[in-house]
PDB file of all heavy atoms in Angstrom:
ATOM      1  N   HIS A   1      27.760   4.813  60.279  1.00  0.00           N
ATOM      2  CA  HIS A   1      26.484   4.154  60.529  1.00  0.00           C
ATOM      3  C   HIS A   1      25.578   4.233  59.300  1.00  0.00           C
ATOM      4  O   HIS A   1      24.930   3.265  58.926  1.00  0.00           O
ATOM      5  CB  HIS A   1      25.798   4.784  61.748  1.00  0.00           C
ATOM      6  CG  HIS A   1      24.464   4.181  62.039  1.00  0.00           C
ATOM      7  ND1 HIS A   1      24.338   2.893  62.495  1.00  0.00           N
ATOM      8  CD2 HIS A   1      23.206   4.681  61.918  1.00  0.00           C
ATOM      9  CE1 HIS A   1      23.058   2.621  62.643  1.00  0.00           C
ATOM     10  NE2 HIS A   1      22.343   3.699  62.311  1.00  0.00           N
ATOM     11  N   GLY A   2      25.529   5.382  58.655  1.00  0.00           N
ATOM     12  CA  GLY A   2      24.709   5.543  57.452  1.00  0.00           C
ATOM     13  C   GLY A   2      25.195   4.682  56.305  1.00  0.00           C
ATOM     14  O   GLY A   2      24.407   4.100  55.577  1.00  0.00           O
ATOM     15  N   ASP A   3      26.510   4.586  56.130  1.00  0.00           N
ATOM     16  CA  ASP A   3      27.072   3.756  55.071  1.00  0.00           C
ATOM     17  C   ASP A   3      26.793   2.279  55.326  1.00  0.00           C
ATOM     18  O   ASP A   3      26.502   1.537  54.401  1.00  0.00           O
ATOM     19  CB  ASP A   3      28.576   3.986  54.941  1.00  0.00           C
ATOM     20  CG  ASP A   3      28.894   5.367  54.386  1.00  0.00           C
ATOM     21  OD1 ASP A   3      27.981   5.975  53.781  1.00  0.00           O
ATOM     22  OD2 ASP A   3      30.024   5.831  54.578  1.00  0.00           O
ATOM     23  N   ARG A   4      26.888   1.857  56.581  1.00  0.00           N
ATOM     24  CA  ARG A   4      26.591   0.457  56.901  1.00  0.00           C
ATOM     25  C   ARG A   4      25.130   0.140  56.642  1.00  0.00           C
ATOM     26  O   ARG A   4      24.795  -0.920  56.140  1.00  0.00           O
ATOM     27  CB  ARG A   4      26.941   0.154  58.359  1.00  0.00           C
ATOM     28  CG  ARG A   4      28.387  -0.108  58.576  1.00  0.00           C
ATOM     29  CD  ARG A   4      28.643  -0.616  59.957  1.00  0.00           C
ATOM     30  NE  ARG A   4      30.067  -0.747  60.175  1.00  0.00           N
ATOM     31  CZ  ARG A   4      30.608  -0.907  61.344  1.00  0.00           C
ATOM     32  NH1 ARG A   4      29.849  -0.934  62.426  1.00  0.00           N
ATOM     33  NH2 ARG A   4      31.905  -1.027  61.462  1.00  0.00           N
ATOM     34  N   GLY A   5      24.236   1.071  57.001  1.00  0.00           N
ATOM     35  CA  GLY A   5      22.815   0.853  56.751  1.00  0.00           C
ATOM     36  C   GLY A   5      22.516   0.751  55.268  1.00  0.00           C
ATOM     37  O   GLY A   5      21.717  -0.085  54.840  1.00  0.00           O
ATOM     38  N   PHE A   6      23.148   1.603  54.486  1.00  0.00           N
ATOM     39  CA  PHE A   6      22.961   1.569  53.039  1.00  0.00           C
ATOM     40  C   PHE A   6      23.502   0.263  52.463  1.00  0.00           C
ATOM     41  O   PHE A   6      22.880  -0.353  51.601  1.00  0.00           O
ATOM     42  CB  PHE A   6      23.660   2.773  52.403  1.00  0.00           C
ATOM     43  CG  PHE A   6      23.446   2.883  50.928  1.00  0.00           C
ATOM     44  CD1 PHE A   6      22.182   3.115  50.415  1.00  0.00           C
ATOM     45  CD2 PHE A   6      24.508   2.752  50.052  1.00  0.00           C
ATOM     46  CE1 PHE A   6      21.975   3.217  49.050  1.00  0.00           C
ATOM     47  CE2 PHE A   6      24.312   2.854  48.696  1.00  0.00           C
ATOM     48  CZ  PHE A   6      23.040   3.087  48.190  1.00  0.00           C
ATOM     49  N   LEU A   7      24.657  -0.172  52.953  1.00  0.00           N
ATOM     50  CA  LEU A   7      25.247  -1.434  52.506  1.00  0.00           C
ATOM     51  C   LEU A   7      24.351  -2.606  52.879  1.00  0.00           C
ATOM     52  O   LEU A   7      24.130  -3.511  52.073  1.00  0.00           O
ATOM     53  CB  LEU A   7      26.643  -1.598  53.114  1.00  0.00           C
ATOM     54  CG  LEU A   7      27.423  -2.833  52.694  1.00  0.00           C
ATOM     55  CD1 LEU A   7      27.701  -2.786  51.202  1.00  0.00           C
ATOM     56  CD2 LEU A   7      28.711  -2.917  53.473  1.00  0.00           C
ATOM     57  N   GLU A   8      23.810  -2.571  54.093  1.00  0.00           N
ATOM     58  CA  GLU A   8      22.902  -3.632  54.526  1.00  0.00           C
ATOM     59  C   GLU A   8      21.671  -3.690  53.616  1.00  0.00           C
ATOM     60  O   GLU A   8      21.195  -4.770  53.268  1.00  0.00           O
ATOM     61  CB  GLU A   8      22.463  -3.392  55.971  1.00  0.00           C
ATOM     62  CG  GLU A   8      23.556  -3.545  56.996  1.00  0.00           C
ATOM     63  CD  GLU A   8      23.925  -4.977  57.235  1.00  0.00           C
ATOM     64  OE1 GLU A   8      23.066  -5.862  57.025  1.00  0.00           O
ATOM     65  OE2 GLU A   8      25.077  -5.233  57.627  1.00  0.00           O
ATOM     66  N   GLU A   9      21.168  -2.535  53.241  1.00  0.00           N
ATOM     67  CA  GLU A   9      19.990  -2.472  52.377  1.00  0.00           C
ATOM     68  C   GLU A   9      20.296  -3.052  50.998  1.00  0.00           C
ATOM     69  O   GLU A   9      19.487  -3.810  50.439  1.00  0.00           O
ATOM     70  CB  GLU A   9      19.550  -1.016  52.255  1.00  0.00           C
ATOM     71  CG  GLU A   9      18.288  -0.822  51.463  1.00  0.00           C
ATOM     72  CD  GLU A   9      17.914   0.641  51.378  1.00  0.00           C
ATOM     73  OE1 GLU A   9      18.134   1.384  52.354  1.00  0.00           O
ATOM     74  OE2 GLU A   9      17.423   1.033  50.310  1.00  0.00           O
ATOM     75  N   ILE A  10      21.440  -2.724  50.451  1.00  0.00           N
ATOM     76  CA  ILE A  10      21.832  -3.257  49.138  1.00  0.00           C
ATOM     77  C   ILE A  10      21.983  -4.775  49.206  1.00  0.00           C
ATOM     78  O   ILE A  10      21.504  -5.499  48.330  1.00  0.00           O
ATOM     79  CB  ILE A  10      23.142  -2.601  48.652  1.00  0.00           C
ATOM     80  CG1 ILE A  10      22.902  -1.142  48.300  1.00  0.00           C
ATOM     81  CG2 ILE A  10      23.713  -3.349  47.453  1.00  0.00           C
ATOM     82  CD1 ILE A  10      24.165  -0.380  47.989  1.00  0.00           C
ATOM     83  N   ILE A  11      22.629  -5.254  50.252  1.00  0.00           N
ATOM     84  CA  ILE A  11      22.833  -6.699  50.407  1.00  0.00           C
ATOM     85  C   ILE A  11      21.499  -7.408  50.569  1.00  0.00           C
ATOM     86  O   ILE A  11      21.263  -8.462  49.972  1.00  0.00           O
ATOM     87  CB  ILE A  11      23.775  -6.986  51.596  1.00  0.00           C
ATOM     88  CG1 ILE A  11      25.190  -6.516  51.248  1.00  0.00           C
ATOM     89  CG2 ILE A  11      23.785  -8.463  51.948  1.00  0.00           C
ATOM     90  CD1 ILE A  11      26.150  -6.557  52.406  1.00  0.00           C
ATOM     91  N   ALA A  12      20.597  -6.828  51.354  1.00  0.00           N
ATOM     92  CA  ALA A  12      19.288  -7.444  51.556  1.00  0.00           C
ATOM     93  C   ALA A  12      18.514  -7.528  50.241  1.00  0.00           C
ATOM     94  O   ALA A  12      17.870  -8.548  49.955  1.00  0.00           O
ATOM     95  CB  ALA A  12      18.496  -6.659  52.592  1.00  0.00           C
ATOM     96  N   ARG A  13      18.565  -6.465  49.434  1.00  0.00           N
ATOM     97  CA  ARG A  13      17.876  -6.489  48.138  1.00  0.00           C
ATOM     98  C   ARG A  13      18.446  -7.553  47.219  1.00  0.00           C
ATOM     99  O   ARG A  13      17.715  -8.244  46.511  1.00  0.00           O
ATOM    100  CB  ARG A  13      17.975  -5.120  47.471  1.00  0.00           C
ATOM    101  CG  ARG A  13      16.804  -4.238  47.809  1.00  0.00           C
ATOM    102  CD  ARG A  13      16.786  -3.013  46.933  1.00  0.00           C
ATOM    103  NE  ARG A  13      17.472  -1.951  47.661  1.00  0.00           N
ATOM    104  CZ  ARG A  13      18.191  -1.000  47.135  1.00  0.00           C
ATOM    105  NH1 ARG A  13      18.339  -0.934  45.841  1.00  0.00           N
ATOM    106  NH2 ARG A  13      18.768  -0.093  47.875  1.00  0.00           N
ATOM    107  N   GLU A  14      19.770  -7.692  47.203  1.00  0.00           N
ATOM    108  CA  GLU A  14      20.400  -8.693  46.347  1.00  0.00           C
ATOM    109  C   GLU A  14      20.072 -10.117  46.807  1.00  0.00           C
ATOM    110  O   GLU A  14      19.873 -10.999  45.979  1.00  0.00           O
ATOM    111  CB  GLU A  14      21.919  -8.490  46.319  1.00  0.00           C
ATOM    112  CG  GLU A  14      22.345  -7.272  45.553  1.00  0.00           C
ATOM    113  CD  GLU A  14      22.026  -7.379  44.073  1.00  0.00           C
ATOM    114  OE1 GLU A  14      22.132  -8.477  43.501  1.00  0.00           O
ATOM    115  OE2 GLU A  14      21.656  -6.353  43.497  1.00  0.00           O
ATOM    116  N   VAL A  15      20.010 -10.319  48.111  1.00  0.00           N
ATOM    117  CA  VAL A  15      19.666 -11.645  48.637  1.00  0.00           C
ATOM    118  C   VAL A  15      18.231 -12.004  48.248  1.00  0.00           C
ATOM    119  O   VAL A  15      17.949 -13.136  47.851  1.00  0.00           O
ATOM    120  CB  VAL A  15      19.865 -11.680  50.171  1.00  0.00           C
ATOM    121  CG1 VAL A  15      19.230 -12.912  50.778  1.00  0.00           C
ATOM    122  CG2 VAL A  15      21.345 -11.634  50.507  1.00  0.00           C
ATOM    123  N   VAL A  16      17.317 -11.040  48.335  1.00  0.00           N
ATOM    124  CA  VAL A  16      15.926 -11.280  47.946  1.00  0.00           C
ATOM    125  C   VAL A  16      15.831 -11.588  46.452  1.00  0.00           C
ATOM    126  O   VAL A  16      15.124 -12.514  46.041  1.00  0.00           O
ATOM    127  CB  VAL A  16      15.042 -10.072  48.329  1.00  0.00           C
ATOM    128  CG1 VAL A  16      13.676 -10.159  47.689  1.00  0.00           C
ATOM    129  CG2 VAL A  16      14.922  -9.965  49.835  1.00  0.00           C
ATOM    130  N   ALA A  17      16.548 -10.843  45.641  1.00  0.00           N
ATOM    131  CA  ALA A  17      16.534 -11.080  44.188  1.00  0.00           C
ATOM    132  C   ALA A  17      17.105 -12.456  43.860  1.00  0.00           C
ATOM    133  O   ALA A  17      16.568 -13.180  42.997  1.00  0.00           O
ATOM    134  CB  ALA A  17      17.308  -9.989  43.464  1.00  0.00           C
ATOM    135  N   GLU A  18      18.178 -12.831  44.520  1.00  0.00           N
ATOM    136  CA  GLU A  18      18.772 -14.145  44.283  1.00  0.00           C
ATOM    137  C   GLU A  18      17.819 -15.258  44.688  1.00  0.00           C
ATOM    138  O   GLU A  18      17.677 -16.254  43.976  1.00  0.00           O
ATOM    139  CB  GLU A  18      20.083 -14.274  45.061  1.00  0.00           C
ATOM    140  CG  GLU A  18      20.757 -15.601  44.882  1.00  0.00           C
ATOM    141  CD  GLU A  18      22.042 -15.720  45.679  1.00  0.00           C
ATOM    142  OE1 GLU A  18      22.587 -14.693  46.111  1.00  0.00           O
ATOM    143  OE2 GLU A  18      22.487 -16.855  45.874  1.00  0.00           O
ATOM    144  N   ALA A  19      17.138 -15.095  45.817  1.00  0.00           N
ATOM    145  CA  ALA A  19      16.183 -16.110  46.263  1.00  0.00           C
ATOM    146  C   ALA A  19      15.018 -16.224  45.281  1.00  0.00           C
ATOM    147  O   ALA A  19      14.546 -17.329  44.995  1.00  0.00           O
ATOM    148  CB  ALA A  19      15.672 -15.764  47.656  1.00  0.00           C
ATOM    149  N   ARG A  20      14.581 -15.104  44.726  1.00  0.00           N
ATOM    150  CA  ARG A  20      13.481 -15.116  43.761  1.00  0.00           C
ATOM    151  C   ARG A  20      13.896 -15.853  42.486  1.00  0.00           C
ATOM    152  O   ARG A  20      13.131 -16.659  41.957  1.00  0.00           O
ATOM    153  CB  ARG A  20      13.079 -13.682  43.430  1.00  0.00           C
ATOM    154  CG  ARG A  20      11.787 -13.570  42.693  1.00  0.00           C
ATOM    155  CD  ARG A  20      11.378 -12.130  42.477  1.00  0.00           C
ATOM    156  NE  ARG A  20      11.236 -11.434  43.750  1.00  0.00           N
ATOM    157  CZ  ARG A  20      11.648 -10.193  43.981  1.00  0.00           C
ATOM    158  NH1 ARG A  20      12.209  -9.492  43.028  1.00  0.00           N
ATOM    159  NH2 ARG A  20      11.478  -9.629  45.152  1.00  0.00           N
ATOM    160  N   ILE A  21      15.105 -15.604  42.016  1.00  0.00           N
ATOM    161  CA  ILE A  21      15.593 -16.293  40.816  1.00  0.00           C
ATOM    162  C   ILE A  21      15.738 -17.782  41.078  1.00  0.00           C
ATOM    163  O   ILE A  21      15.361 -18.618  40.254  1.00  0.00           O
ATOM    164  CB  ILE A  21      16.928 -15.682  40.345  1.00  0.00           C
ATOM    165  CG1 ILE A  21      16.691 -14.286  39.773  1.00  0.00           C
ATOM    166  CG2 ILE A  21      17.624 -16.563  39.323  1.00  0.00           C
ATOM    167  CD1 ILE A  21      17.967 -13.536  39.465  1.00  0.00           C
ATOM    168  N   ARG A  22      16.260 -18.127  42.249  1.00  0.00           N
ATOM    169  CA  ARG A  22      16.447 -19.545  42.583  1.00  0.00           C
ATOM    170  C   ARG A  22      15.097 -20.265  42.683  1.00  0.00           C
ATOM    171  O   ARG A  22      14.944 -21.385  42.197  1.00  0.00           O
ATOM    172  CB  ARG A  22      17.210 -19.676  43.892  1.00  0.00           C
ATOM    173  CG  ARG A  22      17.609 -21.122  44.169  1.00  0.00           C
ATOM    174  CD  ARG A  22      18.402 -21.282  45.431  1.00  0.00           C
ATOM    175  NE  ARG A  22      19.553 -20.422  45.444  1.00  0.00           N
ATOM    176  CZ  ARG A  22      20.028 -19.846  46.540  1.00  0.00           C
ATOM    177  NH1 ARG A  22      19.451 -20.041  47.693  1.00  0.00           N
ATOM    178  NH2 ARG A  22      21.088 -19.080  46.479  1.00  0.00           N
ATOM    179  N   ARG A  23      14.091 -19.616  43.305  1.00  0.00           N
ATOM    180  CA  ARG A  23      12.765 -20.226  43.399  1.00  0.00           C
ATOM    181  C   ARG A  23      12.153 -20.420  42.018  1.00  0.00           C
ATOM    182  O   ARG A  23      11.537 -21.463  41.748  1.00  0.00           O
ATOM    183  CB  ARG A  23      11.839 -19.354  44.244  1.00  0.00           C
ATOM    184  CG  ARG A  23      11.879 -19.653  45.705  1.00  0.00           C
ATOM    185  CD  ARG A  23      10.749 -18.930  46.399  1.00  0.00           C
ATOM    186  NE  ARG A  23      10.837 -17.499  46.138  1.00  0.00           N
ATOM    187  CZ  ARG A  23      11.155 -16.584  47.030  1.00  0.00           C
ATOM    188  NH1 ARG A  23      11.397 -16.939  48.256  1.00  0.00           N
ATOM    189  NH2 ARG A  23      11.216 -15.312  46.700  1.00  0.00           N
ATOM    190  N   ALA A  24      12.308 -19.445  41.130  1.00  0.00           N
ATOM    191  CA  ALA A  24      11.761 -19.570  39.775  1.00  0.00           C
ATOM    192  C   ALA A  24      12.436 -20.720  39.025  1.00  0.00           C
ATOM    193  O   ALA A  24      11.769 -21.478  38.314  1.00  0.00           O
ATOM    194  CB  ALA A  24      11.940 -18.257  39.015  1.00  0.00           C
ATOM    195  N   ALA A  25      13.739 -20.864  39.198  1.00  0.00           N
ATOM    196  CA  ALA A  25      14.453 -21.963  38.533  1.00  0.00           C
ATOM    197  C   ALA A  25      13.998 -23.314  39.069  1.00  0.00           C
ATOM    198  O   ALA A  25      13.761 -24.252  38.296  1.00  0.00           O
ATOM    199  CB  ALA A  25      15.960 -21.802  38.721  1.00  0.00           C
ATOM    200  N   ILE A  26      13.839 -23.424  40.376  1.00  0.00           N
ATOM    201  CA  ILE A  26      13.404 -24.691  40.971  1.00  0.00           C
ATOM    202  C   ILE A  26      11.992 -25.039  40.514  1.00  0.00           C
ATOM    203  O   ILE A  26      11.703 -26.188  40.171  1.00  0.00           O
ATOM    204  CB  ILE A  26      13.495 -24.620  42.508  1.00  0.00           C
ATOM    205  CG1 ILE A  26      14.961 -24.625  42.930  1.00  0.00           C
ATOM    206  CG2 ILE A  26      12.754 -25.783  43.161  1.00  0.00           C
ATOM    207  CD1 ILE A  26      15.184 -24.343  44.397  1.00  0.00           C
ATOM    208  N   LEU A  27      11.107 -24.056  40.481  1.00  0.00           N
ATOM    209  CA  LEU A  27       9.739 -24.299  40.026  1.00  0.00           C
ATOM    210  C   LEU A  27       9.714 -24.730  38.567  1.00  0.00           C
ATOM    211  O   LEU A  27       9.020 -25.687  38.197  1.00  0.00           O
ATOM    212  CB  LEU A  27       8.899 -23.044  40.224  1.00  0.00           C
ATOM    213  CG  LEU A  27       7.452 -23.146  39.756  1.00  0.00           C
ATOM    214  CD1 LEU A  27       6.689 -24.155  40.606  1.00  0.00           C
ATOM    215  CD2 LEU A  27       6.789 -21.796  39.815  1.00  0.00           C
ATOM    216  N   ALA A  28      10.480 -24.042  37.726  1.00  0.00           N
ATOM    217  CA  ALA A  28      10.501 -24.389  36.301  1.00  0.00           C
ATOM    218  C   ALA A  28      11.054 -25.788  36.079  1.00  0.00           C
ATOM    219  O   ALA A  28      10.508 -26.567  35.284  1.00  0.00           O
ATOM    220  CB  ALA A  28      11.314 -23.364  35.520  1.00  0.00           C
ATOM    221  N   TRP A  29      12.118 -26.154  36.784  1.00  0.00           N
ATOM    222  CA  TRP A  29      12.670 -27.495  36.628  1.00  0.00           C
ATOM    223  C   TRP A  29      11.718 -28.554  37.178  1.00  0.00           C
ATOM    224  O   TRP A  29      11.629 -29.658  36.632  1.00  0.00           O
ATOM    225  CB  TRP A  29      14.039 -27.611  37.297  1.00  0.00           C
ATOM    226  CG  TRP A  29      15.125 -26.995  36.485  1.00  0.00           C
ATOM    227  CD1 TRP A  29      15.846 -25.881  36.783  1.00  0.00           C
ATOM    228  CD2 TRP A  29      15.616 -27.442  35.216  1.00  0.00           C
ATOM    229  NE1 TRP A  29      16.745 -25.602  35.780  1.00  0.00           N
ATOM    230  CE2 TRP A  29      16.629 -26.547  34.815  1.00  0.00           C
ATOM    231  CE3 TRP A  29      15.289 -28.498  34.378  1.00  0.00           C
ATOM    232  CZ2 TRP A  29      17.314 -26.694  33.620  1.00  0.00           C
ATOM    233  CZ3 TRP A  29      15.979 -28.634  33.187  1.00  0.00           C
ATOM    234  CH2 TRP A  29      16.975 -27.748  32.817  1.00  0.00           C
ATOM    235  N   SER A  30      11.011 -28.235  38.247  1.00  0.00           N
ATOM    236  CA  SER A  30      10.035 -29.187  38.796  1.00  0.00           C
ATOM    237  C   SER A  30       8.921 -29.465  37.798  1.00  0.00           C
ATOM    238  O   SER A  30       8.533 -30.626  37.596  1.00  0.00           O
ATOM    239  CB  SER A  30       9.441 -28.646  40.099  1.00  0.00           C
ATOM    240  OG  SER A  30      10.436 -28.469  41.059  1.00  0.00           O
ATOM    241  N   VAL A  31       8.406 -28.418  37.180  1.00  0.00           N
ATOM    242  CA  VAL A  31       7.351 -28.604  36.175  1.00  0.00           C
ATOM    243  C   VAL A  31       7.895 -29.381  34.981  1.00  0.00           C
ATOM    244  O   VAL A  31       7.212 -30.249  34.429  1.00  0.00           O
ATOM    245  CB  VAL A  31       6.770 -27.238  35.741  1.00  0.00           C
ATOM    246  CG1 VAL A  31       5.855 -27.387  34.545  1.00  0.00           C
ATOM    247  CG2 VAL A  31       6.029 -26.591  36.897  1.00  0.00           C
ATOM    248  N   THR A  32       9.127 -29.105  34.608  1.00  0.00           N
ATOM    249  CA  THR A  32       9.733 -29.822  33.484  1.00  0.00           C
ATOM    250  C   THR A  32       9.809 -31.316  33.763  1.00  0.00           C
ATOM    251  O   THR A  32       9.389 -32.138  32.942  1.00  0.00           O
ATOM    252  CB  THR A  32      11.149 -29.284  33.202  1.00  0.00           C
ATOM    253  OG1 THR A  32      11.045 -27.904  32.872  1.00  0.00           O
ATOM    254  CG2 THR A  32      11.813 -30.041  32.078  1.00  0.00           C
TER     255      THR A  32
END
């Protein structure tokens, strides 16, 4: 249970980071 929770936390952080990078790319291309 502890390992799954830790894995879930890592995956959630990576998903948030990926979404942030994707939003920044979309915004930059839109302004361009």
